[in-house]
Amino acid sequence: MKAQLTVIETPRNYEAARALVSELMNAATSEDGARLRAQAAIVAAYEARIRPPRPVDPIEAIKFRMDQMGMKRADLVKIIGSKSKVSEILNRKRSLSLAMIRRLHKELNIPADVLIKAA
């Protein structure tokens, strides 16, 4: 496959670039793989420019990670401290302390900068 990489300047270019990514994903050669990575980077840069990522809500990040890990609120007691603190944190009645942020980062592997936004 020898399709040219698509530079994105308009929404029409964006659609063409996404179509090229789809085509390259089905390609079998290493040259196509390198072109796929390059075109995907172009698409990602364009998407980041037109739709900047929203800041992650710290409490939603905790809840999401708990869901991923199959955790219940009671499982957070060993990380946060007490059942009432867990409830207050998850219901946004209490801010995370630095110690809680460190433990949540370590135990749930949530980026510390995401958790700091709640402190």
C-alpha atoms as a PDB file:
ATOM      1  CA  MET A   1       0.000   0.000   0.000  1.00  0.00           C
ATOM      2  CA  LYS A   2       1.476   3.338  -1.047  1.00  0.00           C
ATOM      3  CA  ALA A   3      -1.146   5.894   0.015  1.00  0.00           C
ATOM      4  CA  GLN A   4       0.363   9.194   1.078  1.00  0.00           C
ATOM      5  CA  LEU A   5       0.228  10.313   4.688  1.00  0.00           C
ATOM      6  CA  THR A   6      -2.552  12.842   5.103  1.00  0.00           C
ATOM      7  CA  VAL A   7      -1.862  16.251   6.602  1.00  0.00           C
ATOM      8  CA  ILE A   8      -4.897  17.522   8.497  1.00  0.00           C
ATOM      9  CA  GLU A   9      -5.982  21.105   7.908  1.00  0.00           C
ATOM     10  CA  THR A  10      -9.730  20.690   7.500  1.00  0.00           C
ATOM     11  CA  PRO A  11     -12.470  18.352   8.738  1.00  0.00           C
ATOM     12  CA  ARG A  12     -12.410  16.706   5.298  1.00  0.00           C
ATOM     13  CA  ASN A  13      -8.653  16.039   5.692  1.00  0.00           C
ATOM     14  CA  TYR A  14      -9.408  14.586   9.122  1.00  0.00           C
ATOM     15  CA  GLU A  15     -11.865  12.073   7.664  1.00  0.00           C
ATOM     16  CA  ALA A  16      -9.343  11.109   4.969  1.00  0.00           C
ATOM     17  CA  ALA A  17      -6.633  10.667   7.593  1.00  0.00           C
ATOM     18  CA  ARG A  18      -8.863   8.440   9.704  1.00  0.00           C
ATOM     19  CA  ALA A  19      -9.720   6.377   6.640  1.00  0.00           C
ATOM     20  CA  LEU A  20      -6.015   5.951   5.917  1.00  0.00           C
ATOM     21  CA  VAL A  21      -5.421   4.786   9.495  1.00  0.00           C
ATOM     22  CA  SER A  22      -8.147   2.169   9.007  1.00  0.00           C
ATOM     23  CA  GLU A  23      -6.564   0.995   5.750  1.00  0.00           C
ATOM     24  CA  LEU A  24      -3.096   0.820   7.279  1.00  0.00           C
ATOM     25  CA  MET A  25      -4.385  -1.186  10.248  1.00  0.00           C
ATOM     26  CA  ASN A  26      -5.167  -3.987   7.799  1.00  0.00           C
ATOM     27  CA  ALA A  27      -1.745  -3.829   6.133  1.00  0.00           C
ATOM     28  CA  ALA A  28       0.836  -6.534   6.712  1.00  0.00           C
ATOM     29  CA  THR A  29       4.194  -4.948   5.924  1.00  0.00           C
ATOM     30  CA  SER A  30       6.572  -3.279   8.370  1.00  0.00           C
ATOM     31  CA  GLU A  31       6.646  -0.199   6.112  1.00  0.00           C
ATOM     32  CA  ASP A  32       2.864   0.073   6.485  1.00  0.00           C
ATOM     33  CA  GLY A  33       3.241  -0.342  10.250  1.00  0.00           C
ATOM     34  CA  ALA A  34       5.598   2.624  10.408  1.00  0.00           C
ATOM     35  CA  ARG A  35       3.230   4.666   8.250  1.00  0.00           C
ATOM     36  CA  LEU A  36       0.330   3.641  10.489  1.00  0.00           C
ATOM     37  CA  ARG A  37       2.147   4.947  13.579  1.00  0.00           C
ATOM     38  CA  ALA A  38       2.970   8.216  11.804  1.00  0.00           C
ATOM     39  CA  GLN A  39      -0.586   8.745  10.531  1.00  0.00           C
ATOM     40  CA  ALA A  40      -2.063   7.829  13.918  1.00  0.00           C
ATOM     41  CA  ALA A  41       0.196  10.444  15.545  1.00  0.00           C
ATOM     42  CA  ILE A  42      -1.024  13.059  13.051  1.00  0.00           C
ATOM     43  CA  VAL A  43      -4.659  12.167  13.811  1.00  0.00           C
ATOM     44  CA  ALA A  44      -4.051  12.214  17.586  1.00  0.00           C
ATOM     45  CA  ALA A  45      -2.361  15.625  17.406  1.00  0.00           C
ATOM     46  CA  TYR A  46      -5.272  17.041  15.415  1.00  0.00           C
ATOM     47  CA  GLU A  47      -7.827  15.578  17.836  1.00  0.00           C
ATOM     48  CA  ALA A  48      -5.942  17.009  20.812  1.00  0.00           C
ATOM     49  CA  ARG A  49      -5.930  20.414  19.156  1.00  0.00           C
ATOM     50  CA  ILE A  50      -9.628  20.483  18.309  1.00  0.00           C
ATOM     51  CA  ARG A  51     -10.808  18.650  21.432  1.00  0.00           C
ATOM     52  CA  PRO A  52      -8.364  19.203  24.286  1.00  0.00           C
ATOM     53  CA  PRO A  53      -8.608  16.500  26.956  1.00  0.00           C
ATOM     54  CA  ARG A  54     -10.913  17.330  29.850  1.00  0.00           C
ATOM     55  CA  PRO A  55      -9.349  17.361  33.290  1.00  0.00           C
ATOM     56  CA  VAL A  56      -9.953  14.119  35.149  1.00  0.00           C
ATOM     57  CA  ASP A  57     -12.105  14.410  38.256  1.00  0.00           C
ATOM     58  CA  PRO A  58     -10.197  12.843  41.191  1.00  0.00           C
ATOM     59  CA  ILE A  59     -13.255  11.240  42.804  1.00  0.00           C
ATOM     60  CA  GLU A  60     -14.426   9.825  39.478  1.00  0.00           C
ATOM     61  CA  ALA A  61     -10.899   8.469  38.923  1.00  0.00           C
ATOM     62  CA  ILE A  62     -11.053   6.690  42.282  1.00  0.00           C
ATOM     63  CA  LYS A  63     -14.496   5.260  41.534  1.00  0.00           C
ATOM     64  CA  PHE A  64     -13.432   4.177  38.050  1.00  0.00           C
ATOM     65  CA  ARG A  65     -10.316   2.428  39.377  1.00  0.00           C
ATOM     66  CA  MET A  66     -12.355   0.749  42.123  1.00  0.00           C
ATOM     67  CA  ASP A  67     -14.731  -0.566  39.470  1.00  0.00           C
ATOM     68  CA  GLN A  68     -11.829  -1.812  37.346  1.00  0.00           C
ATOM     69  CA  MET A  69     -10.346  -3.630  40.335  1.00  0.00           C
ATOM     70  CA  GLY A  70     -13.674  -4.997  41.571  1.00  0.00           C
ATOM     71  CA  MET A  71     -13.370  -3.057  44.824  1.00  0.00           C
ATOM     72  CA  LYS A  72     -16.115  -2.031  47.209  1.00  0.00           C
ATOM     73  CA  ARG A  73     -16.148   1.051  49.446  1.00  0.00           C
ATOM     74  CA  ALA A  74     -15.106  -1.168  52.350  1.00  0.00           C
ATOM     75  CA  ASP A  75     -11.902  -2.020  50.464  1.00  0.00           C
ATOM     76  CA  LEU A  76     -10.875   1.641  50.616  1.00  0.00           C
ATOM     77  CA  VAL A  77     -10.886   1.671  54.425  1.00  0.00           C
ATOM     78  CA  LYS A  78      -7.344   0.235  54.567  1.00  0.00           C
ATOM     79  CA  ILE A  79      -6.193   2.968  52.165  1.00  0.00           C
ATOM     80  CA  ILE A  80      -8.155   6.002  53.389  1.00  0.00           C
ATOM     81  CA  GLY A  81      -8.576   5.241  57.061  1.00  0.00           C
ATOM     82  CA  SER A  82     -12.155   4.681  58.151  1.00  0.00           C
ATOM     83  CA  LYS A  83     -15.570   3.868  56.752  1.00  0.00           C
ATOM     84  CA  SER A  84     -16.796   7.396  57.501  1.00  0.00           C
ATOM     85  CA  LYS A  85     -13.777   8.997  55.779  1.00  0.00           C
ATOM     86  CA  VAL A  86     -14.323   6.812  52.720  1.00  0.00           C
ATOM     87  CA  SER A  87     -17.952   7.897  52.582  1.00  0.00           C
ATOM     88  CA  GLU A  88     -17.081  11.560  53.054  1.00  0.00           C
ATOM     89  CA  ILE A  89     -14.393  11.421  50.342  1.00  0.00           C
ATOM     90  CA  LEU A  90     -16.565   9.625  47.784  1.00  0.00           C
ATOM     91  CA  ASN A  91     -19.503  11.950  48.536  1.00  0.00           C
ATOM     92  CA  ARG A  92     -17.239  15.012  48.223  1.00  0.00           C
ATOM     93  CA  LYS A  93     -17.742  16.120  51.814  1.00  0.00           C
ATOM     94  CA  ARG A  94     -14.026  15.810  52.674  1.00  0.00           C
ATOM     95  CA  SER A  95     -10.858  16.603  50.759  1.00  0.00           C
ATOM     96  CA  LEU A  96      -8.096  14.092  50.269  1.00  0.00           C
ATOM     97  CA  SER A  97      -5.127  14.532  52.563  1.00  0.00           C
ATOM     98  CA  LEU A  98      -1.579  14.242  51.268  1.00  0.00           C
ATOM     99  CA  ALA A  99      -1.219  10.870  53.011  1.00  0.00           C
ATOM    100  CA  MET A 100      -4.418   9.621  51.350  1.00  0.00           C
ATOM    101  CA  ILE A 101      -3.209  10.827  47.952  1.00  0.00           C
ATOM    102  CA  ARG A 102       0.075   8.968  48.404  1.00  0.00           C
ATOM    103  CA  ARG A 103      -1.680   5.741  49.442  1.00  0.00           C
ATOM    104  CA  LEU A 104      -4.276   5.950  46.648  1.00  0.00           C
ATOM    105  CA  HIS A 105      -1.501   6.554  44.143  1.00  0.00           C
ATOM    106  CA  LYS A 106       0.467   3.578  45.421  1.00  0.00           C
ATOM    107  CA  GLU A 107      -2.394   1.124  45.947  1.00  0.00           C
ATOM    108  CA  LEU A 108      -4.707   2.027  43.044  1.00  0.00           C
ATOM    109  CA  ASN A 109      -2.039   3.288  40.638  1.00  0.00           C
ATOM    110  CA  ILE A 110      -3.895   6.551  40.018  1.00  0.00           C
ATOM    111  CA  PRO A 111      -1.567   9.355  38.882  1.00  0.00           C
ATOM    112  CA  ALA A 112      -0.843  11.624  41.846  1.00  0.00           C
ATOM    113  CA  ASP A 113      -1.454  14.769  39.782  1.00  0.00           C
ATOM    114  CA  VAL A 114      -5.041  13.615  39.171  1.00  0.00           C
ATOM    115  CA  LEU A 115      -5.605  13.086  42.910  1.00  0.00           C
ATOM    116  CA  ILE A 116      -4.001  16.380  43.935  1.00  0.00           C
ATOM    117  CA  LYS A 117      -6.771  18.298  42.205  1.00  0.00           C
ATOM    118  CA  ALA A 118      -9.121  17.228  45.017  1.00  0.00           C
ATOM    119  CA  ALA A 119      -6.826  18.256  47.845  1.00  0.00           C
END
